[in-house]
Amino acid sequence: MSHHLRTAARLGAPLGAAALLTLGLAGSASAHVTITPSDTAAGAYAILTVSNPHGCEGSPTTKVTIQMPEEINAVTPTRNPLYDVTKTVEKLDTPVKDAHGNEITERVGTVVYTAKTPLLDGYRDAFDLSLQLPDTPGETLVFPIIQTCETGESAWVEVPAEGQDPEELERPAPTVTITEATGDEHGAGAEESAAEADGAEAASPAADSDDDGGSDGLAYAGLGAGVLGILVGGAALARGRRTS
């Protein structure tokens, strides 16, 4: 069983019956629950924004449960003043090493936003998740989401079969496709800033030198004018004495 199938199965929605998933709800939604990434580059740190644009067939939303893909171990959910947010943690069957060589024995399985006041149908809410994308260009991560409402719930867990058009699905699971990294996704900006700072520091002595040169020139000019004034004054005094 693939990661995607196991992920949906843990939510109680075997994909073999995905086309029939309603969980007490009938009819298709006018818009889907979606995820919009701030970055898709392999290995990048990204903010994923989960958008919930409507209720369950008109019923207000009370809870949004976001299933994390098995490829992601850690996630930092952003607090929302209208919701209580919790993370559920599960043990890994086999410990793994992170990028820094630390052993990881557990992962965040789900992030749950529970509304303090139900979100009425026709109003939108968004939930931000901060995480690092895996270094696997070309892979598509699936985020099955259960939207619980005052009456019933919507299971956004359907994954298209190979060759199937995702638009044919009634309640598709939101996805993020990893793209090729364009460079050092973690340090390029910092390096460029450091280079600009070094360049500014390198330019400073030259600017100081120009300023010093200008100041010296003014000083020499002032000294010359003073000497000239003394000479002219002396000559005038001498002529006055000869006249008297």
C-alpha atoms as a PDB file:
ATOM      1  CA  MET A   1       0.000   0.000   0.000  1.00  0.00           C
ATOM      2  CA  SER A   2       1.396   3.417  -0.970  1.00  0.00           C
ATOM      3  CA  HIS A   3       1.934   6.330   1.441  1.00  0.00           C
ATOM      4  CA  HIS A   4      -1.109   8.077  -0.009  1.00  0.00           C
ATOM      5  CA  LEU A   5      -3.376   5.075   0.483  1.00  0.00           C
ATOM      6  CA  ARG A   6      -2.174   4.505   4.041  1.00  0.00           C
ATOM      7  CA  THR A   7      -2.672   8.179   4.839  1.00  0.00           C
ATOM      8  CA  ALA A   8      -6.297   8.136   3.703  1.00  0.00           C
ATOM      9  CA  ALA A   9      -6.965   4.796   5.368  1.00  0.00           C
ATOM     10  CA  ARG A  10      -5.902   6.209   8.751  1.00  0.00           C
ATOM     11  CA  LEU A  11      -8.655   8.774   8.382  1.00  0.00           C
ATOM     12  CA  GLY A  12     -11.213   6.025   7.961  1.00  0.00           C
ATOM     13  CA  ALA A  13     -11.660   6.617   4.231  1.00  0.00           C
ATOM     14  CA  PRO A  14     -10.326   3.713   2.124  1.00  0.00           C
ATOM     15  CA  LEU A  15      -9.716   5.024  -1.336  1.00  0.00           C
ATOM     16  CA  GLY A  16     -11.334   1.985  -2.896  1.00  0.00           C
ATOM     17  CA  ALA A  17     -14.613   3.642  -1.912  1.00  0.00           C
ATOM     18  CA  ALA A  18     -13.462   7.222  -2.518  1.00  0.00           C
ATOM     19  CA  ALA A  19     -16.025   7.856  -5.222  1.00  0.00           C
ATOM     20  CA  LEU A  20     -18.792   7.105  -2.722  1.00  0.00           C
ATOM     21  CA  LEU A  21     -17.434   9.151   0.167  1.00  0.00           C
ATOM     22  CA  THR A  22     -20.075  11.376   1.692  1.00  0.00           C
ATOM     23  CA  LEU A  23     -19.921  10.507   5.398  1.00  0.00           C
ATOM     24  CA  GLY A  24     -23.498  11.598   5.930  1.00  0.00           C
ATOM     25  CA  LEU A  25     -23.423  14.363   3.332  1.00  0.00           C
ATOM     26  CA  ALA A  26     -24.875  14.471  -0.151  1.00  0.00           C
ATOM     27  CA  GLY A  27     -24.102  16.652  -3.120  1.00  0.00           C
ATOM     28  CA  SER A  28     -20.891  18.232  -4.354  1.00  0.00           C
ATOM     29  CA  ALA A  29     -19.326  21.380  -2.970  1.00  0.00           C
ATOM     30  CA  SER A  30     -19.266  24.639  -4.860  1.00  0.00           C
ATOM     31  CA  ALA A  31     -15.568  25.016  -4.036  1.00  0.00           C
ATOM     32  CA  HIS A  32     -12.854  22.760  -2.653  1.00  0.00           C
ATOM     33  CA  VAL A  33     -10.779  22.913   0.496  1.00  0.00           C
ATOM     34  CA  THR A  34      -7.304  23.762  -0.829  1.00  0.00           C
ATOM     35  CA  ILE A  35      -3.681  24.234   0.188  1.00  0.00           C
ATOM     36  CA  THR A  36      -1.569  27.091  -1.190  1.00  0.00           C
ATOM     37  CA  PRO A  37       2.205  26.825  -0.588  1.00  0.00           C
ATOM     38  CA  SER A  38       4.442  29.879  -0.219  1.00  0.00           C
ATOM     39  CA  ASP A  39       7.268  27.826  -1.746  1.00  0.00           C
ATOM     40  CA  THR A  40       7.448  24.461  -3.512  1.00  0.00           C
ATOM     41  CA  ALA A  41      11.221  24.056  -3.932  1.00  0.00           C
ATOM     42  CA  ALA A  42      12.728  20.806  -2.662  1.00  0.00           C
ATOM     43  CA  GLY A  43      14.110  21.235   0.853  1.00  0.00           C
ATOM     44  CA  ALA A  44      12.618  24.723   1.273  1.00  0.00           C
ATOM     45  CA  TYR A  45      10.894  26.012   4.379  1.00  0.00           C
ATOM     46  CA  ALA A  46       7.331  26.887   3.394  1.00  0.00           C
ATOM     47  CA  ILE A  47       4.062  28.187   4.782  1.00  0.00           C
ATOM     48  CA  LEU A  48       1.100  26.090   3.655  1.00  0.00           C
ATOM     49  CA  THR A  49      -2.244  27.882   3.842  1.00  0.00           C
ATOM     50  CA  VAL A  50      -5.284  25.621   4.170  1.00  0.00           C
ATOM     51  CA  SER A  51      -8.383  27.412   2.905  1.00  0.00           C
ATOM     52  CA  ASN A  52     -11.896  26.378   4.005  1.00  0.00           C
ATOM     53  CA  PRO A  53     -14.366  28.351   1.857  1.00  0.00           C
ATOM     54  CA  HIS A  54     -17.729  26.909   2.943  1.00  0.00           C
ATOM     55  CA  GLY A  55     -19.604  24.644   5.328  1.00  0.00           C
ATOM     56  CA  CYS A  56     -20.973  21.138   4.858  1.00  0.00           C
ATOM     57  CA  GLU A  57     -23.989  21.496   2.599  1.00  0.00           C
ATOM     58  CA  GLY A  58     -24.895  24.689   4.430  1.00  0.00           C
ATOM     59  CA  SER A  59     -23.999  23.453   7.928  1.00  0.00           C
ATOM     60  CA  PRO A  60     -21.449  25.552   9.903  1.00  0.00           C
ATOM     61  CA  THR A  61     -17.916  24.161  10.281  1.00  0.00           C
ATOM     62  CA  THR A  62     -16.845  23.194  13.794  1.00  0.00           C
ATOM     63  CA  LYS A  63     -13.483  21.463  13.214  1.00  0.00           C
ATOM     64  CA  VAL A  64     -10.814  20.981  10.522  1.00  0.00           C
ATOM     65  CA  THR A  65      -8.480  17.980  10.832  1.00  0.00           C
ATOM     66  CA  ILE A  66      -5.393  18.103   8.592  1.00  0.00           C
ATOM     67  CA  GLN A  67      -3.559  14.814   8.034  1.00  0.00           C
ATOM     68  CA  MET A  68       0.189  15.286   7.500  1.00  0.00           C
ATOM     69  CA  PRO A  69       1.896  13.230   4.755  1.00  0.00           C
ATOM     70  CA  GLU A  70       4.280  10.539   5.976  1.00  0.00           C
ATOM     71  CA  GLU A  71       7.132  12.382   4.239  1.00  0.00           C
ATOM     72  CA  ILE A  72       6.823  15.215   6.793  1.00  0.00           C
ATOM     73  CA  ASN A  73       7.707  14.680  10.443  1.00  0.00           C
ATOM     74  CA  ALA A  74       7.483  18.151  11.974  1.00  0.00           C
ATOM     75  CA  VAL A  75       5.041  21.019  11.501  1.00  0.00           C
ATOM     76  CA  THR A  76       4.398  24.285  13.338  1.00  0.00           C
ATOM     77  CA  PRO A  77       0.749  25.376  13.096  1.00  0.00           C
ATOM     78  CA  THR A  78      -0.057  29.077  13.347  1.00  0.00           C
ATOM     79  CA  ARG A  79      -2.443  30.032  16.136  1.00  0.00           C
ATOM     80  CA  ASN A  80      -5.848  31.357  15.119  1.00  0.00           C
ATOM     81  CA  PRO A  81      -7.777  33.462  17.656  1.00  0.00           C
ATOM     82  CA  LEU A  82     -11.085  31.900  16.526  1.00  0.00           C
ATOM     83  CA  TYR A  83      -9.862  28.314  16.970  1.00  0.00           C
ATOM     84  CA  ASP A  84      -8.136  26.000  19.428  1.00  0.00           C
ATOM     85  CA  VAL A  85      -5.272  24.184  17.704  1.00  0.00           C
ATOM     86  CA  THR A  86      -3.717  20.863  18.717  1.00  0.00           C
ATOM     87  CA  LYS A  87      -1.195  18.444  17.253  1.00  0.00           C
ATOM     88  CA  THR A  88      -1.399  14.661  17.546  1.00  0.00           C
ATOM     89  CA  VAL A  89       1.901  12.823  17.690  1.00  0.00           C
ATOM     90  CA  GLU A  90       2.545   9.255  16.581  1.00  0.00           C
ATOM     91  CA  LYS A  91       5.522   6.934  16.983  1.00  0.00           C
ATOM     92  CA  LEU A  92       7.590   6.068  13.940  1.00  0.00           C
ATOM     93  CA  ASP A  93       7.931   2.370  13.155  1.00  0.00           C
ATOM     94  CA  THR A  94      11.577   3.006  12.331  1.00  0.00           C
ATOM     95  CA  PRO A  95      13.518   6.017  13.724  1.00  0.00           C
ATOM     96  CA  VAL A  96      14.999   8.351  11.109  1.00  0.00           C
ATOM     97  CA  LYS A  97      17.745  10.982  11.062  1.00  0.00           C
ATOM     98  CA  ASP A  98      17.028  14.631  10.384  1.00  0.00           C
ATOM     99  CA  ALA A  99      19.250  16.986   8.353  1.00  0.00           C
ATOM    100  CA  HIS A 100      21.379  17.649  11.452  1.00  0.00           C
ATOM    101  CA  GLY A 101      21.910  13.981  12.296  1.00  0.00           C
ATOM    102  CA  ASN A 102      19.439  13.913  15.191  1.00  0.00           C
ATOM    103  CA  GLU A 103      17.368  10.761  15.656  1.00  0.00           C
ATOM    104  CA  ILE A 104      13.623  11.232  15.238  1.00  0.00           C
ATOM    105  CA  THR A 105      11.351   8.645  16.860  1.00  0.00           C
ATOM    106  CA  GLU A 106       7.962  10.350  16.435  1.00  0.00           C
ATOM    107  CA  ARG A 107       6.144  12.638  14.036  1.00  0.00           C
ATOM    108  CA  VAL A 108       3.135  14.947  13.894  1.00  0.00           C
ATOM    109  CA  GLY A 109       0.279  12.889  12.469  1.00  0.00           C
ATOM    110  CA  THR A 110      -2.488  15.495  12.387  1.00  0.00           C
ATOM    111  CA  VAL A 111      -3.127  19.159  13.111  1.00  0.00           C
ATOM    112  CA  VAL A 112      -6.641  19.899  14.396  1.00  0.00           C
ATOM    113  CA  TYR A 113      -8.311  23.320  14.423  1.00  0.00           C
ATOM    114  CA  THR A 114     -11.468  23.377  16.564  1.00  0.00           C
ATOM    115  CA  ALA A 115     -13.710  26.433  16.184  1.00  0.00           C
ATOM    116  CA  LYS A 116     -14.599  28.362  19.323  1.00  0.00           C
ATOM    117  CA  THR A 117     -17.662  29.548  17.426  1.00  0.00           C
ATOM    118  CA  PRO A 118     -18.839  27.549  14.369  1.00  0.00           C
ATOM    119  CA  LEU A 119     -17.854  29.045  11.024  1.00  0.00           C
ATOM    120  CA  LEU A 120     -21.070  29.848   9.163  1.00  0.00           C
ATOM    121  CA  ASP A 121     -21.518  28.635   5.605  1.00  0.00           C
ATOM    122  CA  GLY A 122     -20.572  31.352   3.126  1.00  0.00           C
ATOM    123  CA  TYR A 123     -17.638  32.554   5.206  1.00  0.00           C
ATOM    124  CA  ARG A 124     -14.003  31.572   4.741  1.00  0.00           C
ATOM    125  CA  ASP A 125     -11.212  30.745   7.169  1.00  0.00           C
ATOM    126  CA  ALA A 126      -7.553  29.917   6.563  1.00  0.00           C
ATOM    127  CA  PHE A 127      -4.972  28.011   8.610  1.00  0.00           C
ATOM    128  CA  ASP A 128      -1.194  28.381   8.182  1.00  0.00           C
ATOM    129  CA  LEU A 129       1.273  25.532   8.686  1.00  0.00           C
ATOM    130  CA  SER A 130       5.035  26.103   8.789  1.00  0.00           C
ATOM    131  CA  LEU A 131       7.206  23.157   7.731  1.00  0.00           C
ATOM    132  CA  GLN A 132      10.191  22.044   5.663  1.00  0.00           C
ATOM    133  CA  LEU A 133       9.427  20.335   2.385  1.00  0.00           C
ATOM    134  CA  PRO A 134      11.269  17.070   1.690  1.00  0.00           C
ATOM    135  CA  ASP A 135      14.164  17.106  -0.753  1.00  0.00           C
ATOM    136  CA  THR A 136      12.269  15.054  -3.331  1.00  0.00           C
ATOM    137  CA  PRO A 137      11.664  17.047  -6.549  1.00  0.00           C
ATOM    138  CA  GLY A 138       8.736  15.800  -8.574  1.00  0.00           C
ATOM    139  CA  GLU A 139       6.927  14.166  -5.651  1.00  0.00           C
ATOM    140  CA  THR A 140       3.338  15.145  -4.855  1.00  0.00           C
ATOM    141  CA  LEU A 141       2.420  15.376  -1.174  1.00  0.00           C
ATOM    142  CA  VAL A 142      -1.191  14.621  -0.249  1.00  0.00           C
ATOM    143  CA  PHE A 143      -2.899  16.314   2.716  1.00  0.00           C
ATOM    144  CA  PRO A 144      -6.231  14.564   3.419  1.00  0.00           C
ATOM    145  CA  ILE A 145      -8.561  16.854   5.374  1.00  0.00           C
ATOM    146  CA  ILE A 146     -11.715  16.097   7.357  1.00  0.00           C
ATOM    147  CA  GLN A 147     -14.090  19.048   7.705  1.00  0.00           C
ATOM    148  CA  THR A 148     -16.474  18.440  10.612  1.00  0.00           C
ATOM    149  CA  CYS A 149     -19.693  20.451  10.778  1.00  0.00           C
ATOM    150  CA  GLU A 150     -22.674  20.813  13.100  1.00  0.00           C
ATOM    151  CA  THR A 151     -24.461  18.404  10.772  1.00  0.00           C
ATOM    152  CA  GLY A 152     -22.275  15.779   9.125  1.00  0.00           C
ATOM    153  CA  GLU A 153     -18.778  16.251   7.700  1.00  0.00           C
ATOM    154  CA  SER A 154     -16.888  16.431   4.409  1.00  0.00           C
ATOM    155  CA  ALA A 155     -13.910  14.158   3.766  1.00  0.00           C
ATOM    156  CA  TRP A 156     -11.444  15.819   1.407  1.00  0.00           C
ATOM    157  CA  VAL A 157      -9.412  12.635   0.942  1.00  0.00           C
ATOM    158  CA  GLU A 158      -9.875  11.457  -2.638  1.00  0.00           C
ATOM    159  CA  VAL A 159      -6.712  10.842  -4.679  1.00  0.00           C
ATOM    160  CA  PRO A 160      -6.952  10.418  -8.466  1.00  0.00           C
ATOM    161  CA  ALA A 161      -5.997   7.061  -9.933  1.00  0.00           C
ATOM    162  CA  GLU A 162      -3.119   6.991 -12.402  1.00  0.00           C
ATOM    163  CA  GLY A 163      -4.199   8.866 -15.501  1.00  0.00           C
ATOM    164  CA  GLN A 164      -7.405  10.161 -13.908  1.00  0.00           C
ATOM    165  CA  ASP A 165      -8.330  13.836 -14.119  1.00  0.00           C
ATOM    166  CA  PRO A 166      -8.402  15.287 -10.551  1.00  0.00           C
ATOM    167  CA  GLU A 167     -11.336  17.470 -11.645  1.00  0.00           C
ATOM    168  CA  GLU A 168     -13.438  14.310 -11.823  1.00  0.00           C
ATOM    169  CA  LEU A 169     -13.168  13.850  -8.053  1.00  0.00           C
ATOM    170  CA  GLU A 170     -15.962  15.100  -5.842  1.00  0.00           C
ATOM    171  CA  ARG A 171     -13.830  15.786  -2.749  1.00  0.00           C
ATOM    172  CA  PRO A 172     -10.138  15.766  -3.751  1.00  0.00           C
ATOM    173  CA  ALA A 173      -7.448  15.865  -1.067  1.00  0.00           C
ATOM    174  CA  PRO A 174      -5.318  19.025  -1.285  1.00  0.00           C
ATOM    175  CA  THR A 175      -1.844  18.426  -2.705  1.00  0.00           C
ATOM    176  CA  VAL A 176       1.544  20.128  -3.016  1.00  0.00           C
ATOM    177  CA  THR A 177       3.971  19.123  -5.790  1.00  0.00           C
ATOM    178  CA  ILE A 178       7.672  19.538  -4.973  1.00  0.00           C
ATOM    179  CA  THR A 179       9.724  21.407  -7.584  1.00  0.00           C
ATOM    180  CA  GLU A 180      13.438  21.517  -8.267  1.00  0.00           C
ATOM    181  CA  ALA A 181      15.451  23.724  -5.945  1.00  0.00           C
ATOM    182  CA  THR A 182      16.840  26.793  -7.716  1.00  0.00           C
ATOM    183  CA  GLY A 183      19.879  27.161  -5.439  1.00  0.00           C
ATOM    184  CA  ASP A 184      20.638  27.253  -1.754  1.00  0.00           C
ATOM    185  CA  GLU A 185      17.061  27.546  -0.523  1.00  0.00           C
ATOM    186  CA  HIS A 186      18.212  28.145   3.059  1.00  0.00           C
ATOM    187  CA  GLY A 187      21.125  30.577   2.790  1.00  0.00           C
ATOM    188  CA  ALA A 188      21.170  32.390  -0.548  1.00  0.00           C
ATOM    189  CA  GLY A 189      19.410  35.459   0.771  1.00  0.00           C
ATOM    190  CA  ALA A 190      21.668  35.682   3.802  1.00  0.00           C
ATOM    191  CA  GLU A 191      24.781  35.296   1.663  1.00  0.00           C
ATOM    192  CA  GLU A 192      23.632  38.031  -0.714  1.00  0.00           C
ATOM    193  CA  SER A 193      22.934  40.343   2.210  1.00  0.00           C
ATOM    194  CA  ALA A 194      26.377  39.618   3.647  1.00  0.00           C
ATOM    195  CA  ALA A 195      27.982  40.307   0.276  1.00  0.00           C
ATOM    196  CA  GLU A 196      26.170  43.615  -0.007  1.00  0.00           C
ATOM    197  CA  ALA A 197      27.269  44.526   3.514  1.00  0.00           C
ATOM    198  CA  ASP A 198      30.898  43.636   2.691  1.00  0.00           C
ATOM    199  CA  GLY A 199      30.668  45.759  -0.446  1.00  0.00           C
ATOM    200  CA  ALA A 200      29.369  48.705   1.552  1.00  0.00           C
ATOM    201  CA  GLU A 201      32.195  48.327   4.064  1.00  0.00           C
ATOM    202  CA  ALA A 202      34.753  48.120   1.273  1.00  0.00           C
ATOM    203  CA  ALA A 203      33.406  51.341  -0.246  1.00  0.00           C
ATOM    204  CA  SER A 204      33.543  53.243   3.027  1.00  0.00           C
ATOM    205  CA  PRO A 205      37.354  53.731   3.187  1.00  0.00           C
ATOM    206  CA  ALA A 206      37.345  55.130  -0.354  1.00  0.00           C
ATOM    207  CA  ALA A 207      34.633  57.561   0.569  1.00  0.00           C
ATOM    208  CA  ASP A 208      36.560  58.582   3.691  1.00  0.00           C
ATOM    209  CA  SER A 209      39.674  59.056   1.559  1.00  0.00           C
ATOM    210  CA  ASP A 210      37.790  61.339  -0.854  1.00  0.00           C
ATOM    211  CA  ASP A 211      36.444  63.352   2.035  1.00  0.00           C
ATOM    212  CA  ASP A 212      39.920  63.688   3.548  1.00  0.00           C
ATOM    213  CA  GLY A 213      41.348  64.814   0.192  1.00  0.00           C
ATOM    214  CA  GLY A 214      38.666  67.470  -0.125  1.00  0.00           C
ATOM    215  CA  SER A 215      39.297  68.693   3.410  1.00  0.00           C
ATOM    216  CA  ASP A 216      43.075  68.862   2.838  1.00  0.00           C
ATOM    217  CA  GLY A 217      42.565  70.854  -0.363  1.00  0.00           C
ATOM    218  CA  LEU A 218      40.395  73.385   1.443  1.00  0.00           C
ATOM    219  CA  ALA A 219      42.938  73.657   4.229  1.00  0.00           C
ATOM    220  CA  TYR A 220      45.796  74.292   1.784  1.00  0.00           C
ATOM    221  CA  ALA A 221      43.727  76.870  -0.096  1.00  0.00           C
ATOM    222  CA  GLY A 222      42.893  78.667   3.138  1.00  0.00           C
ATOM    223  CA  LEU A 223      46.543  78.662   4.187  1.00  0.00           C
ATOM    224  CA  GLY A 224      47.610  80.103   0.817  1.00  0.00           C
ATOM    225  CA  ALA A 225      45.017  82.860   1.035  1.00  0.00           C
ATOM    226  CA  GLY A 226      46.251  83.742   4.528  1.00  0.00           C
ATOM    227  CA  VAL A 227      49.882  83.970   3.401  1.00  0.00           C
ATOM    228  CA  LEU A 228      48.876  86.103   0.420  1.00  0.00           C
ATOM    229  CA  GLY A 229      46.942  88.456   2.701  1.00  0.00           C
ATOM    230  CA  ILE A 230      49.974  88.868   4.982  1.00  0.00           C
ATOM    231  CA  LEU A 231      52.205  89.726   1.997  1.00  0.00           C
ATOM    232  CA  VAL A 232      49.752  92.278   0.603  1.00  0.00           C
ATOM    233  CA  GLY A 233      49.316  93.878   3.992  1.00  0.00           C
ATOM    234  CA  GLY A 234      53.090  94.122   4.531  1.00  0.00           C
ATOM    235  CA  ALA A 235      53.591  95.797   1.155  1.00  0.00           C
ATOM    236  CA  ALA A 236      50.892  98.385   1.890  1.00  0.00           C
ATOM    237  CA  LEU A 237      52.445  99.180   5.299  1.00  0.00           C
ATOM    238  CA  ALA A 238      55.884  99.682   3.670  1.00  0.00           C
ATOM    239  CA  ARG A 239      54.465 102.101   1.096  1.00  0.00           C
ATOM    240  CA  GLY A 240      52.764 104.104   3.815  1.00  0.00           C
ATOM    241  CA  ARG A 241      55.987 104.531   5.773  1.00  0.00           C
ATOM    242  CA  ARG A 242      57.853 105.736   2.669  1.00  0.00           C
ATOM    243  CA  THR A 243      55.161 108.294   1.926  1.00  0.00           C
ATOM    244  CA  SER A 244      55.277 109.741   5.445  1.00  0.00           C
END
